[in-house]
Amino acid sequence: MSKRNVYFVLAILGLVLPYSLFLPWLLEHGLDFGLFFQELFVNDVAGTGGLDILAVTIVILTFVVMESKKLGMKHTIIPILATLVAVGFGLAVFLCLRERHFENEQNKRTNA
């Protein structure tokens, strides 16, 4: 299996796994942001997880922007939006797109 396909499968998992828990909650409570954050920080353990996800989101967004600029990648908005949907989804989407970029660059060099 190619790297790009591995990242694609990981992207699907990064979307399906968190939403398998979030969608039932959303259907039950709707977009109740107050309740969402209340439950997210219901205790120190849960709060640690919530803050960790926030920190990881900032790290991933920074990485996506900086790496995309360094490599001259286009369509940076796609992994940025994907990260805002689900962190694991966004990182895997970016890695998949980066791998595609590497493949395209390799093909340009081979065909030149």
Protein backbone atom coordinates (compact mmCIF):
# COMPACT_ATOMS: atom_id res chain seq x y z
CA MET A 1 0.00 0.00 0.00
CA SER A 2 1.40 3.41 -0.93
CA LYS A 3 2.05 6.10 1.67
CA ARG A 4 -0.71 8.20 0.15
CA ASN A 5 -3.22 5.38 0.55
CA VAL A 6 -2.12 4.79 4.15
CA TYR A 7 -2.68 8.48 4.91
CA PHE A 8 -6.06 8.31 3.17
CA VAL A 9 -7.16 5.40 5.37
CA LEU A 10 -5.87 7.25 8.45
CA ALA A 11 -7.84 10.34 7.37
CA ILE A 12 -11.04 8.29 7.25
CA LEU A 13 -10.30 6.86 10.70
CA GLY A 14 -9.46 10.36 11.96
CA LEU A 15 -12.92 11.48 10.90
CA VAL A 16 -15.04 8.44 11.73
CA LEU A 17 -13.67 7.62 15.19
CA PRO A 18 -14.25 10.98 16.91
CA TYR A 19 -17.55 11.58 15.16
CA SER A 20 -18.83 8.15 16.18
CA LEU A 21 -19.03 9.63 19.67
CA PHE A 22 -19.72 13.26 18.81
CA LEU A 23 -22.63 12.81 16.40
CA PRO A 24 -24.90 10.99 18.90
CA TRP A 25 -24.12 13.73 21.45
CA LEU A 26 -24.87 16.40 18.85
CA LEU A 27 -28.17 14.76 17.91
CA GLU A 28 -29.18 14.62 21.57
CA HIS A 29 -28.09 18.12 22.61
CA GLY A 30 -27.82 20.13 19.40
CA LEU A 31 -25.24 22.90 19.06
CA ASP A 32 -25.17 23.69 22.76
CA PHE A 33 -21.64 25.11 23.04
CA GLY A 34 -22.05 25.87 26.73
CA LEU A 35 -22.91 22.26 27.53
CA PHE A 36 -20.18 21.02 25.18
CA PHE A 37 -17.45 22.94 27.03
CA GLN A 38 -18.98 22.14 30.40
CA GLU A 39 -18.77 18.42 29.60
CA LEU A 40 -15.36 18.78 27.96
CA PHE A 41 -13.96 20.23 31.19
CA VAL A 42 -16.12 18.21 33.60
CA ASN A 43 -12.98 17.18 35.53
CA ASP A 44 -9.22 17.64 35.36
CA VAL A 45 -8.65 14.49 33.31
CA ALA A 46 -11.19 15.51 30.68
CA GLY A 47 -9.85 19.06 30.72
CA THR A 48 -6.33 17.78 30.14
CA GLY A 49 -7.53 15.95 27.04
CA GLY A 50 -9.41 19.01 25.80
CA LEU A 51 -6.43 21.32 26.26
CA ASP A 52 -4.12 18.76 24.67
CA ILE A 53 -6.34 18.61 21.59
CA LEU A 54 -6.33 22.42 21.45
CA ALA A 55 -2.51 22.48 21.64
CA VAL A 56 -2.20 19.75 18.99
CA THR A 57 -4.59 21.66 16.73
CA ILE A 58 -2.40 24.78 16.95
CA VAL A 59 0.73 22.72 16.26
CA ILE A 60 -0.83 20.99 13.25
CA LEU A 61 -2.17 24.24 11.77
CA THR A 62 1.26 25.86 12.16
CA PHE A 63 2.95 22.83 10.59
CA VAL A 64 0.51 22.77 7.66
CA VAL A 65 1.03 26.45 6.87
CA MET A 66 4.83 26.39 7.24
CA GLU A 67 5.39 23.08 5.43
CA SER A 68 3.04 24.06 2.60
CA LYS A 69 4.90 27.32 2.06
CA LYS A 70 8.29 25.57 2.21
CA LEU A 71 7.24 22.98 -0.39
CA GLY A 72 5.20 25.35 -2.56
CA MET A 73 2.05 23.31 -2.06
CA LYS A 74 -1.30 24.59 -3.25
CA HIS A 75 -4.75 24.18 -1.69
CA THR A 76 -3.53 24.64 1.89
CA ILE A 77 -7.07 25.56 2.92
CA ILE A 78 -8.19 21.92 2.54
CA PRO A 79 -6.11 20.47 5.41
CA ILE A 80 -6.71 23.60 7.49
CA LEU A 81 -10.47 23.14 7.26
CA ALA A 82 -10.11 19.38 7.76
CA THR A 83 -8.14 20.03 10.97
CA LEU A 84 -10.95 22.23 12.25
CA VAL A 85 -13.37 19.36 11.57
CA ALA A 86 -11.24 16.75 13.39
CA VAL A 87 -7.57 16.99 14.32
CA GLY A 88 -6.53 13.50 13.22
CA PHE A 89 -8.49 13.92 10.01
CA GLY A 90 -6.74 17.20 9.21
CA LEU A 91 -3.23 15.91 9.80
CA ALA A 92 -3.83 12.80 7.70
CA VAL A 93 -5.38 14.86 4.88
CA PHE A 94 -2.34 17.13 4.90
CA LEU A 95 0.07 14.17 4.83
CA CYS A 96 -1.89 12.64 1.95
CA LEU A 97 -1.77 15.92 -0.01
CA ARG A 98 1.93 16.36 0.78
CA GLU A 99 2.64 12.85 -0.51
CA ARG A 100 0.71 13.67 -3.70
CA HIS A 101 2.80 16.84 -4.03
CA PHE A 102 6.02 14.79 -3.68
CA GLU A 103 4.77 12.32 -6.31
CA ASN A 104 3.92 15.16 -8.72
CA GLU A 105 7.33 16.77 -8.19
CA GLN A 106 9.03 13.41 -8.83
CA ASN A 107 7.01 12.94 -12.03
CA LYS A 108 8.02 16.43 -13.24
CA ARG A 109 11.71 15.61 -12.68
CA THR A 110 11.35 12.23 -14.37
CA ASN A 111 9.58 13.69 -17.40
CA ALA A 112 11.91 16.67 -17.78
